[in-house]
Amino acid sequence: MSLRRVTITVAAPLPPPLQTPPQLPILSRLRVAPCRRCYSNPKPSPLLRRQWMLSSPSAPIHAISFTKPSTSSFTYYSNGLSVSHLRSAEEAKPSSSFYLIRDDLLHPLVNGNKARKLDAIIPLILRHAATDLITCGGAQSAHTAALAVCCAERGMRAHLLLRGEQPAVPTGYNLVSLMYGSVSYVPRSVYANRNEMLMKHAELVAGDQVNVVWADDILNLENDELSLNDNGTPLWKVGNVRRVVIVNEGAGSVAALLDQKIALVVDAGTGTTAVGLALGIAYLGLPWKVVAVMLADTKEKYEECEKCLVSDFKRVYGLESLEDDEGIVQWVERLHPRRFGKVLDGEIDLCRQIAQQTGVPLDPIYTLAAWEQAVLFADSEDEKDSLVVMLHTGGTLGLFGLAQRYASDFSSSGPNRHAL
């Protein structure tokens, strides 16, 4: 039995005179290992027998430092700036800093949390010889684009149901979805009932042979009588038929969940990534906490999603130490609450400023929210005993779509300062 290795290399230390953040003794040498009870368990957890999509799970880590030259703005620095740049702000207070895990660099098109989710899901689907995958999302869904790319790379067909009307000019993730998958635009009234919509489309793709399964159900196929025909043969093994798998919106599937205190900050769309991280931390017994910035729903909805995913995880993999009513994620409001998908004045300028000062691309819908929360935590007295780490979940191709809606923000003029 071989254990999957996770190796994360810490970037070079910050140049003086900035105070270098403490090193990451756990992250820099982390190897995924089961909790102690797994060693004495005669039937090891299924987590130890999993196959994975990514050839290597490691991602670069950057050290981000920031100063506050005035009450209305921050100035950011990354590892390679000269000392003269760092001393340019005379009124700056001593710098604070946090680490940034660059999951956006995992794959040119399938990056961030989408790569992490599909890292677990795609091998399960391939193992069961799927020919077609059905999923859904918005016109600029990073999830549908990522799934389409992964399917095309592995000889499967991706059928993508996108909410609303076709954009006049396809850009960003919408363009990737169109290039790699079969796209259908669905009226919002139909999209409101996602499960029914997905199942009807899957049955159309499957044709006369009823061979449709949800991604979560694949976990139980070996013991699921519904997956067998009258002769007791798994349906996946029968003939040259189309085998259709439905993947939930945002890959919200239990199959996708996988001694210094660390506050791990992440943006939360569906919340699956945050819950998966928290479950992994609990499984490994690490003294870390996950701070998830809520973007698309109320706290009550995120907590409900958390309970469902934790319950499913315990059912499939087992994690007896977790109580059913025990919350494992710290859900927080974003710094500037608004309707999901709405961009506020100054946010695109702030993304440009951060990109120009650090080389790190952010988008104003998702990752900017996590960045601002990481800054607040790193600058907070309440978190002085924790190392703050932001997980960059990707999403930067979404900027191409935003460039259509907010053309004036992408003019050649320099970025304006944005007050936090």
Protein backbone atom coordinates (compact mmCIF):
# COMPACT_ATOMS: atom_id res chain seq x y z
CA MET A 1 0.00 0.00 0.00
CA SER A 2 1.48 3.35 -1.01
CA LEU A 3 0.54 6.67 0.53
CA ARG A 4 0.00 9.72 -1.65
CA ARG A 5 2.69 12.32 -1.10
CA VAL A 6 2.13 16.06 -0.89
CA THR A 7 5.25 18.20 -1.11
CA ILE A 8 5.04 21.99 -0.91
CA THR A 9 8.19 24.05 -1.41
CA VAL A 10 8.38 27.32 0.48
CA ALA A 11 9.58 30.32 -1.54
CA ALA A 12 12.75 32.21 -0.67
CA PRO A 13 12.60 34.42 2.43
CA LEU A 14 11.61 38.06 2.14
CA PRO A 15 14.48 40.53 1.65
CA PRO A 16 15.42 42.86 4.54
CA PRO A 17 14.42 45.14 6.16
CA LEU A 18 11.04 43.44 6.29
CA GLN A 19 10.46 41.00 9.09
CA THR A 20 10.43 37.55 7.51
CA PRO A 21 7.34 35.56 8.46
CA PRO A 22 7.94 32.34 10.37
CA GLN A 23 8.68 29.40 8.14
CA LEU A 24 6.12 26.71 7.44
CA PRO A 25 7.52 23.68 9.28
CA ILE A 26 4.44 21.61 8.52
CA LEU A 27 3.61 22.76 5.01
CA SER A 28 7.18 22.46 3.76
CA ARG A 29 7.48 18.81 4.78
CA LEU A 30 3.89 17.64 4.75
CA ARG A 31 3.19 14.05 3.80
CA VAL A 32 -0.44 12.97 3.90
CA ALA A 33 -0.80 10.21 6.48
CA PRO A 34 -3.87 8.61 8.02
CA CYS A 35 -4.97 9.28 11.56
CA ARG A 36 -3.64 6.84 14.16
CA ARG A 37 -6.69 4.62 14.24
CA CYS A 38 -6.19 3.76 10.54
CA TYR A 39 -3.01 1.83 11.38
CA SER A 40 -4.84 -0.57 13.66
CA ASN A 41 -7.90 -0.83 11.44
CA PRO A 42 -7.80 -4.15 9.52
CA LYS A 43 -9.72 -2.47 6.69
CA PRO A 44 -7.92 0.81 5.88
CA SER A 45 -9.89 3.89 4.95
CA PRO A 46 -10.82 4.19 1.25
CA LEU A 47 -8.88 7.46 1.27
CA LEU A 48 -5.65 5.44 1.24
CA ARG A 49 -6.66 3.47 -1.86
CA ARG A 50 -7.65 6.45 -4.00
CA GLN A 51 -6.28 7.31 -7.44
CA TRP A 52 -5.66 10.95 -8.36
CA MET A 53 -5.73 13.07 -11.51
CA LEU A 54 -2.83 15.45 -10.89
CA SER A 55 0.61 14.00 -11.47
CA SER A 56 1.89 16.18 -8.62
CA PRO A 57 -0.26 17.95 -6.01
CA SER A 58 2.38 20.51 -5.00
CA ALA A 59 1.94 24.22 -5.66
CA PRO A 60 4.36 27.16 -5.24
CA ILE A 61 4.08 29.29 -2.12
CA HIS A 62 4.71 33.05 -2.12
CA ALA A 63 5.38 35.25 0.89
CA ILE A 64 3.33 38.45 0.60
CA SER A 65 4.22 41.46 2.73
CA PHE A 66 2.28 44.68 2.98
CA THR A 67 2.58 48.13 4.50
CA LYS A 68 0.02 50.83 5.14
CA PRO A 69 1.44 54.18 4.03
CA SER A 70 -1.90 55.87 4.72
CA THR A 71 -5.24 55.10 6.29
CA SER A 72 -6.86 54.61 2.88
CA SER A 73 -4.55 52.16 1.15
CA PHE A 74 -2.11 49.28 1.38
CA THR A 75 1.09 48.68 -0.57
CA TYR A 76 1.98 45.05 -1.32
CA TYR A 77 5.33 43.36 -1.88
CA SER A 78 6.29 39.89 -3.04
CA ASN A 79 9.55 37.94 -2.66
CA GLY A 80 11.71 39.53 -5.38
CA LEU A 81 11.50 43.29 -4.82
CA SER A 82 14.60 45.33 -4.04
CA VAL A 83 15.20 47.02 -0.69
CA SER A 84 14.88 50.45 -2.33
CA HIS A 85 11.30 49.61 -3.32
CA LEU A 86 10.53 48.40 0.17
CA ARG A 87 11.73 51.65 1.74
CA SER A 88 9.79 53.94 -0.58
CA ALA A 89 6.93 54.62 1.86
CA GLU A 90 8.33 56.81 4.65
CA GLU A 91 5.20 56.75 6.78
CA ALA A 92 4.71 52.98 6.53
CA LYS A 93 4.39 51.08 9.76
CA PRO A 94 6.33 47.80 10.25
CA SER A 95 5.17 45.33 7.65
CA SER A 96 2.78 42.43 8.15
CA SER A 97 2.71 39.39 5.93
CA PHE A 98 0.97 36.19 4.95
CA TYR A 99 1.66 33.20 2.74
CA LEU A 100 -0.09 32.54 -0.56
CA ILE A 101 -0.51 29.01 -1.94
CA ARG A 102 -0.58 29.36 -5.75
CA ASP A 103 -3.10 26.71 -6.71
CA ASP A 104 -3.89 28.90 -9.72
CA LEU A 105 -0.65 27.54 -11.25
CA LEU A 106 -1.61 23.85 -11.11
CA HIS A 107 -2.79 23.72 -14.76
CA PRO A 108 -3.03 26.35 -17.55
CA LEU A 109 -6.84 26.09 -17.73
CA VAL A 110 -7.86 23.76 -14.87
CA ASN A 111 -6.48 25.64 -11.91
CA GLY A 112 -7.22 26.42 -8.32
CA ASN A 113 -9.91 24.61 -6.38
CA LYS A 114 -11.36 23.17 -9.61
CA ALA A 115 -8.19 21.15 -10.14
CA ARG A 116 -8.25 19.98 -6.51
CA LYS A 117 -11.88 18.83 -6.76
CA LEU A 118 -11.46 17.10 -10.11
CA ASP A 119 -8.21 15.56 -8.85
CA ALA A 120 -10.39 13.14 -6.89
CA ILE A 121 -13.48 12.93 -9.10
CA ILE A 122 -11.99 12.28 -12.56
CA PRO A 123 -10.13 9.03 -11.63
CA LEU A 124 -13.35 7.61 -10.14
CA ILE A 125 -15.24 8.44 -13.31
CA LEU A 126 -12.52 6.98 -15.55
CA ARG A 127 -12.42 3.82 -13.45
CA HIS A 128 -16.06 3.22 -14.33
CA ALA A 129 -15.56 3.80 -18.05
CA ALA A 130 -17.76 6.89 -18.35
CA THR A 131 -18.21 8.19 -21.89
CA ASP A 132 -20.17 11.38 -21.14
CA LEU A 133 -20.30 13.84 -18.26
CA ILE A 134 -23.16 16.26 -17.57
CA THR A 135 -22.79 19.36 -15.41
CA CYS A 136 -24.06 22.92 -15.11
CA GLY A 137 -23.05 26.44 -14.15
CA GLY A 138 -23.20 30.10 -15.11
CA ALA A 139 -22.04 31.44 -18.47
CA GLN A 140 -18.61 32.22 -16.94
CA SER A 141 -18.43 29.08 -14.80
CA ALA A 142 -14.84 28.01 -14.06
CA HIS A 143 -16.18 24.60 -13.03
CA THR A 144 -17.82 23.78 -16.39
CA ALA A 145 -14.73 24.95 -18.27
CA ALA A 146 -12.42 22.84 -16.08
CA LEU A 147 -14.58 19.74 -16.45
CA ALA A 148 -14.72 20.18 -20.23
CA VAL A 149 -10.93 20.41 -20.47
CA CYS A 150 -10.39 17.35 -18.24
CA CYS A 151 -12.89 15.34 -20.29
CA ALA A 152 -11.34 16.31 -23.62
CA GLU A 153 -7.86 15.38 -22.35
CA ARG A 154 -9.14 11.90 -21.43
CA GLY A 155 -11.41 11.05 -24.33
CA MET A 156 -14.76 11.78 -22.67
CA ARG A 157 -17.52 14.12 -23.83
CA ALA A 158 -18.61 17.00 -21.60
CA HIS A 159 -22.18 18.34 -21.84
CA LEU A 160 -22.46 21.73 -20.19
CA LEU A 161 -25.77 23.35 -19.25
CA LEU A 162 -25.15 27.07 -18.82
CA ARG A 163 -27.62 29.36 -17.12
CA GLY A 164 -29.19 32.22 -19.08
CA GLU A 165 -28.44 33.62 -22.52
CA GLN A 166 -25.44 33.12 -24.75
CA PRO A 167 -23.02 36.08 -24.46
CA ALA A 168 -22.65 38.23 -27.56
CA VAL A 169 -18.88 37.62 -27.51
CA PRO A 170 -17.57 34.44 -25.83
CA THR A 171 -14.65 35.21 -23.55
CA GLY A 172 -12.89 33.74 -20.51
CA TYR A 173 -14.35 30.54 -19.10
CA ASN A 174 -17.30 30.73 -21.48
CA LEU A 175 -14.90 30.54 -24.41
CA VAL A 176 -13.06 27.58 -22.84
CA SER A 177 -16.38 25.78 -22.29
CA LEU A 178 -17.34 26.31 -25.93
CA MET A 179 -13.93 25.13 -27.16
CA TYR A 180 -13.78 21.93 -25.13
CA GLY A 181 -17.39 20.94 -24.41
CA SER A 182 -20.89 20.72 -25.83
CA VAL A 183 -22.75 23.78 -24.51
CA SER A 184 -26.49 24.31 -24.11
CA TYR A 185 -27.92 27.55 -22.71
CA VAL A 186 -30.82 26.97 -20.33
CA PRO A 187 -33.55 29.46 -19.31
CA ARG A 188 -33.25 30.57 -15.69
CA SER A 189 -36.71 29.20 -14.88
CA VAL A 190 -35.60 25.70 -15.93
CA TYR A 191 -32.18 26.06 -14.30
CA ALA A 192 -33.83 26.76 -10.94
CA ASN A 193 -34.53 23.01 -10.57
CA ARG A 194 -30.99 21.81 -11.22
CA ASN A 195 -31.37 18.13 -10.35
CA GLU A 196 -34.37 17.64 -12.62
CA MET A 197 -32.68 19.59 -15.42
CA LEU A 198 -29.47 17.56 -15.17
CA MET A 199 -31.27 14.21 -15.06
CA LYS A 200 -33.47 14.98 -18.09
CA HIS A 201 -30.46 16.03 -20.16
CA ALA A 202 -28.50 12.98 -19.02
CA GLU A 203 -31.32 10.68 -20.09
CA LEU A 204 -31.39 12.35 -23.51
CA VAL A 205 -27.65 11.78 -23.88
CA ALA A 206 -27.89 8.16 -22.70
CA GLY A 207 -30.70 7.36 -25.14
CA ASP A 208 -32.76 4.19 -24.82
CA GLN A 209 -30.29 2.48 -22.50
CA VAL A 210 -30.79 3.70 -18.95
CA ASN A 211 -27.19 4.12 -17.90
CA VAL A 212 -27.03 7.31 -15.87
CA VAL A 213 -25.41 7.75 -12.46
CA TRP A 214 -24.57 10.67 -10.18
CA ALA A 215 -20.89 11.15 -9.36
CA ASP A 216 -21.46 10.59 -5.63
CA ASP A 217 -23.16 7.26 -6.32
CA ILE A 218 -20.04 5.90 -8.03
CA LEU A 219 -18.49 5.58 -4.58
CA ASN A 220 -21.01 2.86 -3.77
CA LEU A 221 -21.24 1.12 -7.16
CA GLU A 222 -19.39 -2.00 -6.04
CA ASN A 223 -22.06 -2.72 -3.44
CA ASP A 224 -25.01 -1.08 -5.12
CA GLU A 225 -27.51 -3.53 -6.56
CA LEU A 226 -28.95 -0.80 -8.79
CA SER A 227 -25.68 -0.82 -10.74
CA LEU A 228 -26.18 -4.48 -11.80
CA ASN A 229 -28.23 -5.85 -14.68
CA ASP A 230 -30.46 -8.95 -14.47
CA ASN A 231 -27.41 -11.22 -14.85
CA GLY A 232 -25.58 -9.54 -11.98
CA THR A 233 -23.09 -7.79 -14.27
CA PRO A 234 -22.26 -4.13 -13.51
CA LEU A 235 -23.95 -1.85 -16.02
CA TRP A 236 -20.60 -0.11 -16.57
CA LYS A 237 -19.24 -3.36 -18.03
CA VAL A 238 -22.10 -4.11 -20.41
CA GLY A 239 -21.50 -3.66 -24.14
CA ASN A 240 -20.49 -0.62 -26.12
CA VAL A 241 -22.99 1.80 -24.59
CA ARG A 242 -22.86 5.40 -23.49
CA ARG A 243 -22.21 5.67 -19.79
CA VAL A 244 -23.33 9.03 -18.45
CA VAL A 245 -22.20 10.58 -15.15
CA ILE A 246 -23.80 13.68 -13.63
CA VAL A 247 -21.48 16.00 -11.71
CA ASN A 248 -23.11 18.55 -9.42
CA GLU A 249 -22.75 22.28 -10.01
CA GLY A 250 -19.34 23.42 -8.79
CA ALA A 251 -18.30 19.77 -8.30
CA GLY A 252 -20.08 19.84 -4.94
CA SER A 253 -19.48 16.16 -4.32
CA VAL A 254 -18.19 14.23 -1.34
CA ALA A 255 -15.75 12.59 -3.75
CA ALA A 256 -14.05 15.99 -4.12
CA LEU A 257 -13.27 16.37 -0.36
CA LEU A 258 -10.12 15.55 0.39
CA ASP A 259 2.34 22.00 15.50
CA GLN A 260 1.97 25.62 14.49
CA LYS A 261 -1.46 27.14 14.34
CA ILE A 262 -2.42 28.12 10.80
CA ALA A 263 -5.40 30.17 9.68
CA LEU A 264 -6.14 28.99 6.14
CA VAL A 265 -8.20 31.61 4.28
CA VAL A 266 -10.21 30.66 1.20
CA ASP A 267 -13.05 32.18 -0.83
CA ALA A 268 -16.30 30.18 -0.80
CA GLY A 269 -18.63 29.84 -3.78
CA THR A 270 -20.48 26.60 -3.08
CA GLY A 271 -18.38 26.04 0.07
CA THR A 272 -17.18 22.57 -1.01
CA THR A 273 -13.50 23.55 -1.06
CA ALA A 274 -13.62 25.01 2.45
CA VAL A 275 -15.38 21.95 3.89
CA GLY A 276 -12.99 19.59 2.09
CA LEU A 277 -9.98 21.43 3.52
CA ALA A 278 -11.46 21.36 7.02
CA LEU A 279 -12.18 17.63 6.77
CA GLY A 280 -8.61 16.96 5.64
CA ILE A 281 -7.29 18.98 8.57
CA ALA A 282 -9.52 17.05 10.99
CA TYR A 283 -8.49 13.73 9.39
CA LEU A 284 -4.79 14.56 9.86
CA GLY A 285 -5.31 15.97 13.35
CA LEU A 286 -3.64 19.32 12.53
CA PRO A 287 -4.12 22.45 14.70
CA TRP A 288 -5.30 24.52 11.75
CA LYS A 289 -8.55 26.32 11.07
CA VAL A 290 -10.29 27.12 7.79
CA VAL A 291 -11.69 30.63 7.37
CA ALA A 292 -14.11 30.76 4.43
CA VAL A 293 -15.28 34.08 2.99
CA MET A 294 -18.94 33.67 2.00
CA LEU A 295 -19.70 34.93 -1.51
CA ALA A 296 -22.91 33.40 -2.82
CA ASP A 297 -25.32 32.67 0.05
CA THR A 298 -26.25 33.20 3.68
CA LYS A 299 -24.33 31.77 6.62
CA GLU A 300 -27.24 29.44 7.36
CA LYS A 301 -27.08 27.99 3.83
CA TYR A 302 -23.33 27.45 4.05
CA GLU A 303 -23.68 25.74 7.43
CA GLU A 304 -26.41 23.51 5.97
CA CYS A 305 -24.12 22.59 3.06
CA GLU A 306 -21.31 21.88 5.54
CA LYS A 307 -23.48 19.49 7.57
CA CYS A 308 -24.53 17.58 4.45
CA LEU A 309 -20.97 17.18 3.15
CA VAL A 310 -19.60 16.18 6.56
CA SER A 311 -22.38 13.62 6.96
CA ASP A 312 -21.68 12.15 3.51
CA PHE A 313 -17.94 12.09 4.19
CA LYS A 314 -18.42 10.21 7.47
CA ARG A 315 -20.72 7.74 5.76
CA VAL A 316 -18.22 6.98 2.97
CA TYR A 317 -14.84 7.38 4.67
CA GLY A 318 -15.54 7.44 8.39
CA LEU A 319 -14.37 10.14 10.79
CA GLU A 320 -15.76 9.19 14.18
CA SER A 321 -14.09 12.06 16.04
CA LEU A 322 -16.41 14.60 14.42
CA GLU A 323 -19.70 15.29 16.14
CA ASP A 324 -22.74 15.65 13.87
CA ASP A 325 -23.45 19.17 15.10
CA GLU A 326 -19.82 20.27 15.25
CA GLY A 327 -18.87 23.07 12.86
CA ILE A 328 -15.46 22.68 11.22
CA VAL A 329 -15.38 25.88 9.11
CA GLN A 330 -15.32 29.49 10.30
CA TRP A 331 -17.70 31.25 7.89
CA VAL A 332 -17.17 35.02 7.57
CA GLU A 333 -18.76 37.80 5.52
CA ARG A 334 -16.64 39.34 2.79
CA LEU A 335 -15.22 42.77 3.55
CA HIS A 336 -17.65 44.51 1.19
CA PRO A 337 -20.87 42.42 1.01
CA ARG A 338 -22.88 42.54 -2.21
CA ARG A 339 -24.97 40.38 -4.54
CA PHE A 340 -22.91 37.52 -5.94
CA GLY A 341 -21.23 38.46 -9.23
CA LYS A 342 -21.41 42.19 -8.53
CA VAL A 343 -18.16 44.14 -8.80
CA LEU A 344 -17.81 47.31 -6.73
CA ASP A 345 -16.03 50.49 -7.78
CA GLY A 346 -12.28 50.25 -7.28
CA GLU A 347 -12.04 46.45 -7.05
CA ILE A 348 -10.69 45.89 -10.55
CA ASP A 349 -8.20 48.69 -9.94
CA LEU A 350 -7.14 46.95 -6.74
CA CYS A 351 -6.62 43.67 -8.63
CA ARG A 352 -4.45 45.55 -11.12
CA GLN A 353 -2.46 47.15 -8.30
CA ILE A 354 -1.79 43.80 -6.64
CA ALA A 355 -0.82 42.21 -9.97
CA GLN A 356 1.62 45.02 -10.76
CA GLN A 357 3.19 45.01 -7.28
CA THR A 358 3.40 41.26 -6.65
CA GLY A 359 2.83 39.44 -9.96
CA VAL A 360 -0.16 37.63 -8.43
CA PRO A 361 -3.37 37.71 -10.55
CA LEU A 362 -6.62 38.04 -8.62
CA ASP A 363 -10.22 38.41 -9.72
CA PRO A 364 -12.72 40.71 -7.94
CA ILE A 365 -15.45 38.05 -7.65
CA TYR A 366 -13.60 35.31 -5.76
CA THR A 367 -9.94 35.59 -4.82
CA LEU A 368 -9.87 39.30 -3.98
CA ALA A 369 -12.27 38.53 -1.11
CA ALA A 370 -9.86 35.95 0.32
CA TRP A 371 -6.89 38.32 -0.19
CA GLU A 372 -8.59 41.12 1.76
CA GLN A 373 -9.50 38.70 4.56
CA ALA A 374 -5.91 37.42 4.71
CA VAL A 375 -4.68 41.02 5.01
CA LEU A 376 -7.10 41.68 7.87
CA PHE A 377 -6.05 38.49 9.67
CA ALA A 378 -2.33 39.13 9.18
CA ASP A 379 -2.77 42.66 10.54
CA SER A 380 -4.94 41.59 13.47
CA GLU A 381 -3.81 41.28 17.07
CA ASP A 382 -6.36 38.49 17.55
CA GLU A 383 -4.50 36.30 15.02
CA LYS A 384 -0.94 37.12 16.12
CA ASP A 385 -0.43 33.52 17.31
CA SER A 386 -1.47 32.05 13.95
CA LEU A 387 0.32 31.93 10.64
CA VAL A 388 -2.04 33.27 7.97
CA VAL A 389 -2.11 31.36 4.68
CA MET A 390 -4.37 32.21 1.72
CA LEU A 391 -5.26 29.51 -0.79
CA HIS A 392 -5.40 31.00 -4.30
CA THR A 393 -8.32 29.16 -5.89
CA GLY A 394 -7.74 30.39 -9.45
CA GLY A 395 -10.57 32.07 -11.32
CA THR A 396 -8.41 34.63 -13.12
CA LEU A 397 -9.77 33.70 -16.56
CA GLY A 398 -12.99 35.28 -15.30
CA LEU A 399 -11.30 38.65 -15.81
CA PHE A 400 -11.78 38.18 -19.56
CA GLY A 401 -15.53 38.08 -19.05
CA LEU A 402 -15.44 41.08 -16.72
CA ALA A 403 -13.53 43.06 -19.34
CA GLN A 404 -16.69 43.08 -21.44
CA ARG A 405 -18.90 44.39 -18.63
CA TYR A 406 -16.43 46.85 -17.11
CA ALA A 407 -14.42 48.05 -20.11
CA SER A 408 -13.52 51.43 -18.56
CA ASP A 409 -11.83 49.71 -15.60
CA PHE A 410 -9.38 48.05 -18.00
CA SER A 411 -8.21 51.30 -19.63
CA SER A 412 -4.53 52.16 -19.91
CA SER A 413 -4.66 54.63 -17.00
CA GLY A 414 -2.99 53.58 -13.76
CA PRO A 415 -4.99 51.89 -11.00
CA ASN A 416 -6.59 53.98 -8.28
CA ARG A 417 -6.04 53.29 -4.60
CA HIS A 418 -8.80 51.28 -2.98
CA ALA A 419 -9.67 51.81 0.68
CA LEU A 420 -10.15 48.65 2.72
